[in-house]
């Protein structure tokens, strides 16, 4: 129990220092999330798919206590990451009508439950693609593969500022 108390104290100290160092501003200007059901916040709600979560019990432990399309009854790890990074709201589903144009520059969630995209942000790419697929780790170093992913993400985000994001996905 003493260890947990020390850990919590250290966490709150770090969070307090982080808050004052960043003057209440997020650590990064935008937070973009790619993935599948483990981070989907409702992108499937308006898609022609059977894979949806816009009904109870989904969302009962979330802030709104209502189904949002999240494949969870509460927060995702990316919600906690968003809070920790200093954002005052969670990144909305990109299919949300307010997540267009300049509003997307603050971040958005592109995850879609049941998706089979290669674009799965962060460690998922390495765990699910690089380290499992012999072709990839025999052809690229981890740094080279990371550079490829970052270039793809960059091109995707750039394309989303000039056209609807579902069209950008088709052009990657």
Protein backbone atom coordinates (compact mmCIF):
# COMPACT_ATOMS: atom_id res chain seq x y z
CA UNK A 1 0.00 0.00 0.00
CA UNK A 2 2.90 2.31 0.75
CA UNK A 3 4.22 1.76 -2.79
CA UNK A 4 0.86 2.74 -4.31
CA UNK A 5 0.68 5.88 -2.18
CA UNK A 6 4.20 6.89 -3.26
CA UNK A 7 3.35 6.20 -6.88
CA UNK A 8 0.19 8.32 -6.73
CA UNK A 9 2.06 11.15 -5.03
CA UNK A 10 4.73 11.05 -7.74
CA UNK A 11 2.06 11.03 -10.46
CA UNK A 12 0.24 14.07 -9.04
CA UNK A 13 3.54 15.91 -8.56
CA UNK A 14 4.49 15.20 -12.18
CA UNK A 15 1.02 16.24 -13.40
CA UNK A 16 1.21 19.49 -11.41
CA UNK A 17 4.66 20.33 -12.79
CA UNK A 18 3.51 19.42 -16.28
CA UNK A 19 0.47 21.70 -15.95
CA UNK A 20 2.55 24.69 -14.86
CA UNK A 21 5.27 24.10 -17.45
CA UNK A 22 2.73 24.03 -20.26
CA UNK A 23 0.64 26.91 -18.82
CA UNK A 24 -2.50 24.85 -19.18
CA UNK A 25 -1.96 24.32 -22.91
CA UNK A 26 -1.92 20.80 -24.39
CA UNK A 27 1.53 19.28 -24.81
CA UNK A 28 0.88 18.88 -28.55
CA UNK A 29 -1.30 21.00 -30.86
CA UNK A 30 -3.39 18.05 -32.06
CA UNK A 31 -4.06 14.41 -31.25
CA UNK A 32 -5.02 12.05 -34.10
CA UNK A 33 -6.17 8.54 -33.29
CA UNK A 34 -6.22 5.63 -35.74
CA UNK A 35 -7.28 2.10 -34.94
CA UNK A 36 -10.14 -0.32 -34.55
CA UNK A 37 -12.68 -1.08 -31.82
CA UNK A 38 -10.22 -0.53 -28.98
CA UNK A 39 -10.31 3.22 -29.71
CA UNK A 40 -13.43 3.78 -31.89
CA UNK A 41 -15.52 6.62 -30.39
CA UNK A 42 -18.46 6.34 -32.76
CA UNK A 43 -17.22 6.41 -36.34
CA UNK A 44 -19.31 3.33 -37.13
CA UNK A 45 -22.59 4.95 -36.02
CA UNK A 46 -23.33 6.29 -39.49
CA UNK A 47 -21.66 3.58 -41.54
CA UNK A 48 -23.46 0.74 -43.27
CA UNK A 49 -22.11 -1.94 -40.93
CA UNK A 50 -23.43 -4.33 -38.33
CA UNK A 51 -20.52 -3.47 -36.03
CA UNK A 52 -21.95 -0.68 -33.90
CA UNK A 53 -22.09 0.26 -30.25
CA UNK A 54 -24.69 3.04 -30.23
CA UNK A 55 -27.00 1.22 -27.81
CA UNK A 56 -26.99 0.26 -24.14
CA UNK A 57 -25.03 -0.97 -22.23
CA UNK A 58 -22.29 0.81 -24.20
CA UNK A 59 -21.52 4.21 -22.70
CA UNK A 60 -23.26 3.80 -19.35
CA UNK A 61 -20.05 4.59 -17.43
CA UNK A 62 -18.84 7.29 -19.83
CA UNK A 63 -19.14 11.01 -19.03
CA UNK A 64 -22.50 11.33 -20.83
CA UNK A 65 -23.89 8.02 -19.45
CA UNK A 66 -25.35 7.41 -22.92
CA UNK A 67 -24.34 5.22 -25.84
CA UNK A 68 -21.87 7.11 -28.01
CA UNK A 69 -20.75 4.41 -30.40
CA UNK A 70 -17.76 3.53 -28.24
CA UNK A 71 -17.01 -0.17 -27.96
CA UNK A 72 -16.78 0.38 -24.23
CA UNK A 73 -18.99 1.39 -21.37
CA UNK A 74 -16.47 4.05 -20.28
CA UNK A 75 -13.26 5.76 -21.30
CA UNK A 76 -10.59 4.35 -23.58
CA UNK A 77 -6.85 4.55 -22.89
CA UNK A 78 -6.63 7.29 -25.54
CA UNK A 79 -9.11 9.36 -23.49
CA UNK A 80 -6.78 9.18 -20.51
CA UNK A 81 -3.83 10.00 -22.78
CA UNK A 82 -5.75 13.00 -24.11
CA UNK A 83 -6.43 14.21 -20.57
CA UNK A 84 -2.81 13.69 -19.57
CA UNK A 85 -1.61 15.61 -22.64
CA UNK A 86 -3.69 18.58 -21.49
CA UNK A 87 -6.70 18.48 -23.80
CA UNK A 88 -9.94 19.70 -22.23
CA UNK A 89 -12.15 17.53 -24.45
CA UNK A 90 -11.81 14.17 -26.14
CA UNK A 91 -11.02 13.88 -29.83
CA UNK A 92 -14.30 13.49 -31.71
CA UNK A 93 -15.14 10.90 -34.32
CA UNK A 94 -14.05 12.19 -37.72
CA UNK A 95 -17.52 11.46 -39.13
CA UNK A 96 -18.93 14.04 -36.71
CA UNK A 97 -20.13 17.00 -38.78
CA UNK A 98 -18.15 19.42 -36.58
CA UNK A 99 -14.88 17.59 -37.25
CA UNK A 100 -14.30 19.09 -40.69
CA UNK A 101 -12.14 21.81 -42.19
CA UNK A 102 -9.99 23.71 -39.72
CA UNK A 103 -11.62 21.94 -36.75
CA UNK A 104 -9.79 18.74 -37.68
CA UNK A 105 -6.48 20.48 -37.01
CA UNK A 106 -7.12 20.11 -33.25
CA UNK A 107 -7.32 16.35 -33.59
CA UNK A 108 -9.80 13.66 -34.43
CA UNK A 109 -10.48 10.00 -33.97
CA UNK A 110 -10.40 7.95 -37.18
CA UNK A 111 -10.80 4.53 -35.58
CA UNK A 112 -13.42 2.21 -36.98
CA UNK A 113 -14.54 -0.96 -35.21
CA UNK A 114 -13.86 -4.04 -37.27
CA UNK A 115 -11.44 -2.21 -39.53
CA UNK A 116 -8.52 -3.98 -41.09
CA UNK A 117 -6.51 -0.86 -41.93
CA UNK A 118 -2.74 -1.05 -41.85
CA UNK A 119 -2.96 2.44 -40.37
CA UNK A 120 -3.24 1.68 -36.67
CA UNK A 121 -1.52 4.42 -34.74
CA UNK A 122 1.35 3.91 -32.37
CA UNK A 123 2.58 0.64 -30.93
CA UNK A 124 -0.21 -1.32 -32.63
CA UNK A 125 1.61 -1.00 -35.95
CA UNK A 126 4.69 -2.62 -34.56
CA UNK A 127 2.93 -5.24 -32.46
CA UNK A 128 0.41 -6.20 -35.13
CA UNK A 129 2.47 -5.64 -38.26
CA UNK A 130 6.20 -5.09 -37.92
CA UNK A 131 7.11 -7.66 -35.28
CA UNK A 132 4.70 -10.36 -36.46
CA UNK A 133 5.15 -10.09 -40.23
CA UNK A 134 8.59 -11.50 -41.19
CA UNK A 135 8.55 -9.67 -44.52
CA UNK A 136 8.44 -6.27 -42.79
CA UNK A 137 11.09 -6.83 -40.15
CA UNK A 138 13.40 -8.49 -42.67
CA UNK A 139 13.02 -5.58 -45.09
CA UNK A 140 13.09 -2.57 -42.72
CA UNK A 141 14.74 -1.58 -39.47
CA UNK A 142 12.35 -0.37 -36.77
CA UNK A 143 13.41 3.20 -37.55
CA UNK A 144 12.76 2.80 -41.28
CA UNK A 145 9.33 1.28 -40.67
CA UNK A 146 8.50 4.08 -38.24
CA UNK A 147 9.48 6.64 -40.88
CA UNK A 148 7.21 4.94 -43.44
CA UNK A 149 4.28 5.05 -41.02
CA UNK A 150 4.87 8.67 -40.10
CA UNK A 151 5.00 9.67 -43.79
CA UNK A 152 1.71 7.81 -44.38
CA UNK A 153 0.09 9.54 -41.40
CA UNK A 154 1.39 12.92 -42.54
CA UNK A 155 0.08 12.41 -46.09
CA UNK A 156 -3.27 11.27 -44.72
CA UNK A 157 -3.67 14.30 -42.45
CA UNK A 158 -2.65 16.62 -45.30
CA UNK A 159 -5.21 14.98 -47.59
CA UNK A 160 -7.92 15.34 -44.93
CA UNK A 161 -7.54 19.11 -44.93
CA UNK A 162 -8.47 19.28 -48.62
CA UNK A 163 -11.08 16.50 -48.97
CA UNK A 164 -13.31 14.29 -46.84
CA UNK A 165 -11.15 11.85 -44.89
CA UNK A 166 -12.82 8.73 -46.23
CA UNK A 167 -11.61 9.80 -49.69
CA UNK A 168 -8.12 10.37 -48.31
CA UNK A 169 -8.08 6.79 -46.99
CA UNK A 170 -8.81 5.51 -50.48
CA UNK A 171 -5.86 7.45 -51.91
CA UNK A 172 -3.20 6.25 -49.49
